[in-house]
């Protein structure tokens, strides 16, 4: 298991994984693909943790996988 720390990261795309995650009282099924700070590739992180993903839907401007 790796970590994705605070700060800028490259996200490649986003996908509806048909699995909900709740954060701050909002649930989303959308996850963004990135590489984590531990060297793992193709890691999926809930868009709720991204700027622009607070509404639970897809993040505008990030392509669909």
PDB file of N, CA and C in Angstrom:
ATOM      1  N   UNK A   1       0.848  -1.174   0.000  1.00  0.00           N
ATOM      2  CA  UNK A   1       0.000   0.000   0.000  1.00  0.00           C
ATOM      3  C   UNK A   1       0.893   1.236   0.000  1.00  0.00           C
ATOM      4  N   UNK A   2       0.556   2.206  -0.827  1.00  0.00           N
ATOM      5  CA  UNK A   2       1.347   3.417  -0.909  1.00  0.00           C
ATOM      6  C   UNK A   2       0.598   4.615  -0.365  1.00  0.00           C
ATOM      7  N   UNK A   3       1.191   5.764  -0.557  1.00  0.00           N
ATOM      8  CA  UNK A   3       0.577   7.003  -0.117  1.00  0.00           C
ATOM      9  C   UNK A   3       0.618   8.037  -1.234  1.00  0.00           C
ATOM     10  N   UNK A   4      -0.333   8.918  -1.197  1.00  0.00           N
ATOM     11  CA  UNK A   4      -0.356  10.075  -2.088  1.00  0.00           C
ATOM     12  C   UNK A   4      -0.439  11.279  -1.155  1.00  0.00           C
ATOM     13  N   UNK A   5       0.669  11.964  -1.020  1.00  0.00           N
ATOM     14  CA  UNK A   5       0.730  13.097  -0.113  1.00  0.00           C
ATOM     15  C   UNK A   5       0.107  14.345  -0.696  1.00  0.00           C
ATOM     16  N   UNK A   6      -0.013  15.346   0.130  1.00  0.00           N
ATOM     17  CA  UNK A   6      -0.552  16.632  -0.309  1.00  0.00           C
ATOM     18  C   UNK A   6       0.384  17.273  -1.319  1.00  0.00           C
ATOM     19  N   UNK A   7      -0.171  18.100  -2.163  1.00  0.00           N
ATOM     20  CA  UNK A   7       0.621  18.812  -3.152  1.00  0.00           C
ATOM     21  C   UNK A   7       0.267  18.373  -4.551  1.00  0.00           C
ATOM     22  N   UNK A   8       0.942  18.941  -5.528  1.00  0.00           N
ATOM     23  CA  UNK A   8       0.613  18.648  -6.926  1.00  0.00           C
ATOM     24  C   UNK A   8       0.978  17.217  -7.318  1.00  0.00           C
ATOM     25  N   UNK A   9       0.083  16.598  -8.069  1.00  0.00           N
ATOM     26  CA  UNK A   9       0.283  15.260  -8.620  1.00  0.00           C
ATOM     27  C   UNK A   9      -0.313  15.226 -10.017  1.00  0.00           C
ATOM     28  N   UNK A  10       0.203  14.355 -10.852  1.00  0.00           N
ATOM     29  CA  UNK A  10      -0.366  14.148 -12.180  1.00  0.00           C
ATOM     30  C   UNK A  10      -1.437  13.078 -12.087  1.00  0.00           C
ATOM     31  N   UNK A  11      -2.618  13.382 -12.600  1.00  0.00           N
ATOM     32  CA  UNK A  11      -3.697  12.413 -12.684  1.00  0.00           C
ATOM     33  C   UNK A  11      -3.983  12.181 -14.154  1.00  0.00           C
ATOM     34  N   UNK A  12      -4.067  10.914 -14.543  1.00  0.00           N
ATOM     35  CA  UNK A  12      -4.148  10.548 -15.954  1.00  0.00           C
ATOM     36  C   UNK A  12      -5.575  10.519 -16.482  1.00  0.00           C
ATOM     37  N   UNK A  13      -6.508  10.049 -15.649  1.00  0.00           N
ATOM     38  CA  UNK A  13      -7.892   9.939 -16.076  1.00  0.00           C
ATOM     39  C   UNK A  13      -8.739   9.585 -14.855  1.00  0.00           C
ATOM     40  N   UNK A  14     -10.057   9.476 -15.059  1.00  0.00           N
ATOM     41  CA  UNK A  14     -10.953   9.105 -13.966  1.00  0.00           C
ATOM     42  C   UNK A  14     -11.973   8.093 -14.471  1.00  0.00           C
ATOM     43  N   UNK A  15     -12.484   7.311 -13.537  1.00  0.00           N
ATOM     44  CA  UNK A  15     -13.412   6.237 -13.901  1.00  0.00           C
ATOM     45  C   UNK A  15     -14.429   6.028 -12.780  1.00  0.00           C
ATOM     46  N   UNK A  16     -15.631   5.624 -13.161  1.00  0.00           N
ATOM     47  CA  UNK A  16     -16.659   5.232 -12.195  1.00  0.00           C
ATOM     48  C   UNK A  16     -16.406   3.765 -11.874  1.00  0.00           C
ATOM     49  N   UNK A  17     -15.914   3.480 -10.661  1.00  0.00           N
ATOM     50  CA  UNK A  17     -15.556   2.108 -10.295  1.00  0.00           C
ATOM     51  C   UNK A  17     -16.722   1.333  -9.673  1.00  0.00           C
ATOM     52  N   UNK A  18     -17.926   1.932  -9.671  1.00  0.00           N
ATOM     53  CA  UNK A  18     -19.107   1.253  -9.135  1.00  0.00           C
ATOM     54  C   UNK A  18     -18.888   0.801  -7.688  1.00  0.00           C
ATOM     55  N   UNK A  19     -18.104   1.600  -6.962  1.00  0.00           N
ATOM     56  CA  UNK A  19     -17.818   1.357  -5.544  1.00  0.00           C
ATOM     57  C   UNK A  19     -17.780   2.723  -4.875  1.00  0.00           C
ATOM     58  N   UNK A  20     -18.662   2.957  -3.949  1.00  0.00           N
ATOM     59  CA  UNK A  20     -18.729   4.268  -3.322  1.00  0.00           C
ATOM     60  C   UNK A  20     -17.752   4.436  -2.172  1.00  0.00           C
ATOM     61  N   UNK A  21     -17.193   5.624  -2.072  1.00  0.00           N
ATOM     62  CA  UNK A  21     -16.369   6.014  -0.923  1.00  0.00           C
ATOM     63  C   UNK A  21     -16.957   7.303  -0.374  1.00  0.00           C
ATOM     64  N   UNK A  22     -17.059   7.390   0.940  1.00  0.00           N
ATOM     65  CA  UNK A  22     -17.600   8.582   1.580  1.00  0.00           C
ATOM     66  C   UNK A  22     -16.491   9.327   2.305  1.00  0.00           C
ATOM     67  N   UNK A  23     -16.467  10.636   2.098  1.00  0.00           N
ATOM     68  CA  UNK A  23     -15.489  11.502   2.750  1.00  0.00           C
ATOM     69  C   UNK A  23     -16.170  12.835   3.006  1.00  0.00           C
ATOM     70  N   UNK A  24     -16.120  13.305   4.229  1.00  0.00           N
ATOM     71  CA  UNK A  24     -16.739  14.586   4.572  1.00  0.00           C
ATOM     72  C   UNK A  24     -18.241  14.612   4.353  1.00  0.00           C
ATOM     73  N   UNK A  25     -18.892  13.462   4.488  1.00  0.00           N
ATOM     74  CA  UNK A  25     -20.331  13.389   4.322  1.00  0.00           C
ATOM     75  C   UNK A  25     -20.816  13.282   2.890  1.00  0.00           C
ATOM     76  N   UNK A  26     -19.896  13.216   1.919  1.00  0.00           N
ATOM     77  CA  UNK A  26     -20.248  13.103   0.504  1.00  0.00           C
ATOM     78  C   UNK A  26     -19.749  11.755  -0.002  1.00  0.00           C
ATOM     79  N   UNK A  27     -20.575  11.070  -0.806  1.00  0.00           N
ATOM     80  CA  UNK A  27     -20.191   9.782  -1.377  1.00  0.00           C
ATOM     81  C   UNK A  27     -19.960   9.928  -2.869  1.00  0.00           C
ATOM     82  N   UNK A  28     -18.925   9.277  -3.379  1.00  0.00           N
ATOM     83  CA  UNK A  28     -18.606   9.302  -4.806  1.00  0.00           C
ATOM     84  C   UNK A  28     -18.151   7.927  -5.255  1.00  0.00           C
ATOM     85  N   UNK A  29     -18.480   7.600  -6.512  1.00  0.00           N
ATOM     86  CA  UNK A  29     -17.996   6.367  -7.132  1.00  0.00           C
ATOM     87  C   UNK A  29     -16.879   6.668  -8.133  1.00  0.00           C
ATOM     88  N   UNK A  30     -16.476   7.935  -8.226  1.00  0.00           N
ATOM     89  CA  UNK A  30     -15.461   8.341  -9.193  1.00  0.00           C
ATOM     90  C   UNK A  30     -14.070   8.306  -8.558  1.00  0.00           C
ATOM     91  N   UNK A  31     -13.116   7.708  -9.286  1.00  0.00           N
ATOM     92  CA  UNK A  31     -11.742   7.573  -8.823  1.00  0.00           C
ATOM     93  C   UNK A  31     -10.800   8.026  -9.932  1.00  0.00           C
ATOM     94  N   UNK A  32      -9.740   8.719  -9.543  1.00  0.00           N
ATOM     95  CA  UNK A  32      -8.743   9.218 -10.493  1.00  0.00           C
ATOM     96  C   UNK A  32      -7.495   8.337 -10.433  1.00  0.00           C
ATOM     97  N   UNK A  33      -6.914   8.079 -11.613  1.00  0.00           N
ATOM     98  CA  UNK A  33      -5.720   7.232 -11.699  1.00  0.00           C
ATOM     99  C   UNK A  33      -4.459   8.091 -11.654  1.00  0.00           C
ATOM    100  N   UNK A  34      -3.505   7.664 -10.820  1.00  0.00           N
ATOM    101  CA  UNK A  34      -2.241   8.379 -10.660  1.00  0.00           C
ATOM    102  C   UNK A  34      -1.144   7.380 -10.299  1.00  0.00           C
ATOM    103  N   UNK A  35       0.048   7.859 -10.111  1.00  0.00           N
ATOM    104  CA  UNK A  35       1.154   7.084  -9.531  1.00  0.00           C
ATOM    105  C   UNK A  35       1.386   7.655  -8.144  1.00  0.00           C
ATOM    106  N   UNK A  36       1.564   6.798  -7.144  1.00  0.00           N
ATOM    107  CA  UNK A  36       1.685   7.313  -5.780  1.00  0.00           C
ATOM    108  C   UNK A  36       3.121   7.677  -5.417  1.00  0.00           C
ATOM    109  N   UNK A  37       3.293   8.228  -4.225  1.00  0.00           N
ATOM    110  CA  UNK A  37       4.601   8.686  -3.755  1.00  0.00           C
ATOM    111  C   UNK A  37       5.522   7.535  -3.365  1.00  0.00           C
ATOM    112  N   UNK A  38       4.985   6.301  -3.363  1.00  0.00           N
ATOM    113  CA  UNK A  38       5.786   5.130  -2.991  1.00  0.00           C
ATOM    114  C   UNK A  38       6.301   4.362  -4.196  1.00  0.00           C
ATOM    115  N   UNK A  39       6.007   4.845  -5.409  1.00  0.00           N
ATOM    116  CA  UNK A  39       6.479   4.199  -6.621  1.00  0.00           C
ATOM    117  C   UNK A  39       5.485   3.245  -7.257  1.00  0.00           C
ATOM    118  N   UNK A  40       4.299   3.095  -6.667  1.00  0.00           N
ATOM    119  CA  UNK A  40       3.263   2.253  -7.263  1.00  0.00           C
ATOM    120  C   UNK A  40       2.620   3.001  -8.425  1.00  0.00           C
ATOM    121  N   UNK A  41       2.326   2.291  -9.502  1.00  0.00           N
ATOM    122  CA  UNK A  41       1.713   2.904 -10.672  1.00  0.00           C
ATOM    123  C   UNK A  41       0.258   2.481 -10.799  1.00  0.00           C
ATOM    124  N   UNK A  42      -0.503   3.279 -11.523  1.00  0.00           N
ATOM    125  CA  UNK A  42      -1.916   3.010 -11.780  1.00  0.00           C
ATOM    126  C   UNK A  42      -2.709   2.816 -10.495  1.00  0.00           C
ATOM    127  N   UNK A  43      -2.552   3.748  -9.587  1.00  0.00           N
ATOM    128  CA  UNK A  43      -3.255   3.759  -8.305  1.00  0.00           C
ATOM    129  C   UNK A  43      -4.523   4.593  -8.467  1.00  0.00           C
ATOM    130  N   UNK A  44      -5.620   4.130  -7.889  1.00  0.00           N
ATOM    131  CA  UNK A  44      -6.879   4.868  -7.958  1.00  0.00           C
ATOM    132  C   UNK A  44      -7.174   5.542  -6.627  1.00  0.00           C
ATOM    133  N   UNK A  45      -7.464   6.832  -6.700  1.00  0.00           N
ATOM    134  CA  UNK A  45      -7.743   7.663  -5.527  1.00  0.00           C
ATOM    135  C   UNK A  45      -9.110   8.311  -5.725  1.00  0.00           C
ATOM    136  N   UNK A  46      -9.958   8.267  -4.703  1.00  0.00           N
ATOM    137  CA  UNK A  46     -11.277   8.880  -4.824  1.00  0.00           C
ATOM    138  C   UNK A  46     -11.133  10.353  -5.194  1.00  0.00           C
ATOM    139  N   UNK A  47     -11.987  10.798  -6.129  1.00  0.00           N
ATOM    140  CA  UNK A  47     -11.931  12.211  -6.529  1.00  0.00           C
ATOM    141  C   UNK A  47     -12.347  13.135  -5.398  1.00  0.00           C
ATOM    142  N   UNK A  48     -12.943  12.597  -4.341  1.00  0.00           N
ATOM    143  CA  UNK A  48     -13.311  13.426  -3.193  1.00  0.00           C
ATOM    144  C   UNK A  48     -12.089  14.055  -2.536  1.00  0.00           C
ATOM    145  N   UNK A  49     -10.926  13.481  -2.764  1.00  0.00           N
ATOM    146  CA  UNK A  49      -9.688  13.998  -2.173  1.00  0.00           C
ATOM    147  C   UNK A  49      -8.991  15.002  -3.090  1.00  0.00           C
ATOM    148  N   UNK A  50      -9.586  15.281  -4.246  1.00  0.00           N
ATOM    149  CA  UNK A  50      -8.988  16.206  -5.215  1.00  0.00           C
ATOM    150  C   UNK A  50      -9.723  17.532  -5.211  1.00  0.00           C
ATOM    151  N   UNK A  51      -9.012  18.588  -5.530  1.00  0.00           N
ATOM    152  CA  UNK A  51      -9.655  19.870  -5.751  1.00  0.00           C
ATOM    153  C   UNK A  51     -10.574  19.725  -6.962  1.00  0.00           C
ATOM    154  N   UNK A  52     -11.821  20.106  -6.817  1.00  0.00           N
ATOM    155  CA  UNK A  52     -12.768  19.982  -7.923  1.00  0.00           C
ATOM    156  C   UNK A  52     -13.631  18.736  -7.831  1.00  0.00           C
ATOM    157  N   UNK A  53     -13.350  17.838  -6.892  1.00  0.00           N
ATOM    158  CA  UNK A  53     -14.127  16.616  -6.771  1.00  0.00           C
ATOM    159  C   UNK A  53     -15.067  16.594  -5.588  1.00  0.00           C
ATOM    160  N   UNK A  54     -15.273  17.739  -4.964  1.00  0.00           N
ATOM    161  CA  UNK A  54     -16.044  17.794  -3.723  1.00  0.00           C
ATOM    162  C   UNK A  54     -17.518  17.452  -3.900  1.00  0.00           C
ATOM    163  N   UNK A  55     -18.061  17.571  -5.097  1.00  0.00           N
ATOM    164  CA  UNK A  55     -19.482  17.299  -5.302  1.00  0.00           C
ATOM    165  C   UNK A  55     -19.829  15.835  -5.468  1.00  0.00           C
ATOM    166  N   UNK A  56     -18.826  14.980  -5.572  1.00  0.00           N
ATOM    167  CA  UNK A  56     -19.069  13.554  -5.717  1.00  0.00           C
ATOM    168  C   UNK A  56     -19.138  13.071  -7.150  1.00  0.00           C
ATOM    169  N   UNK A  57     -19.216  13.991  -8.103  1.00  0.00           N
ATOM    170  CA  UNK A  57     -19.246  13.616  -9.513  1.00  0.00           C
ATOM    171  C   UNK A  57     -17.857  13.643 -10.111  1.00  0.00           C
ATOM    172  N   UNK A  58     -17.762  13.422 -11.413  1.00  0.00           N
ATOM    173  CA  UNK A  58     -16.456  13.475 -12.068  1.00  0.00           C
ATOM    174  C   UNK A  58     -15.846  14.877 -11.997  1.00  0.00           C
ATOM    175  N   UNK A  59     -14.536  14.944 -12.043  1.00  0.00           N
ATOM    176  CA  UNK A  59     -13.813  16.216 -11.996  1.00  0.00           C
ATOM    177  C   UNK A  59     -13.771  16.813 -13.408  1.00  0.00           C
ATOM    178  N   UNK A  60     -14.264  18.028 -13.546  1.00  0.00           N
ATOM    179  CA  UNK A  60     -14.245  18.708 -14.841  1.00  0.00           C
ATOM    180  C   UNK A  60     -12.814  18.852 -15.344  1.00  0.00           C
ATOM    181  N   UNK A  61     -12.601  18.549 -16.613  1.00  0.00           N
ATOM    182  CA  UNK A  61     -11.291  18.709 -17.230  1.00  0.00           C
ATOM    183  C   UNK A  61     -10.388  17.486 -17.142  1.00  0.00           C
ATOM    184  N   UNK A  62     -10.763  16.488 -16.333  1.00  0.00           N
ATOM    185  CA  UNK A  62      -9.975  15.254 -16.238  1.00  0.00           C
ATOM    186  C   UNK A  62     -10.678  14.209 -17.087  1.00  0.00           C
ATOM    187  N   UNK A  63      -9.993  13.686 -18.086  1.00  0.00           N
ATOM    188  CA  UNK A  63     -10.633  12.776 -19.039  1.00  0.00           C
ATOM    189  C   UNK A  63     -11.110  11.494 -18.366  1.00  0.00           C
ATOM    190  N   UNK A  64     -12.065  10.845 -19.015  1.00  0.00           N
ATOM    191  CA  UNK A  64     -12.581   9.554 -18.561  1.00  0.00           C
ATOM    192  C   UNK A  64     -11.654   8.458 -19.083  1.00  0.00           C
ATOM    193  N   UNK A  65     -11.308   7.500 -18.240  1.00  0.00           N
ATOM    194  CA  UNK A  65     -10.422   6.391 -18.641  1.00  0.00           C
ATOM    195  C   UNK A  65     -11.109   5.513 -19.679  1.00  0.00           C
TER     196      UNK A  65
END
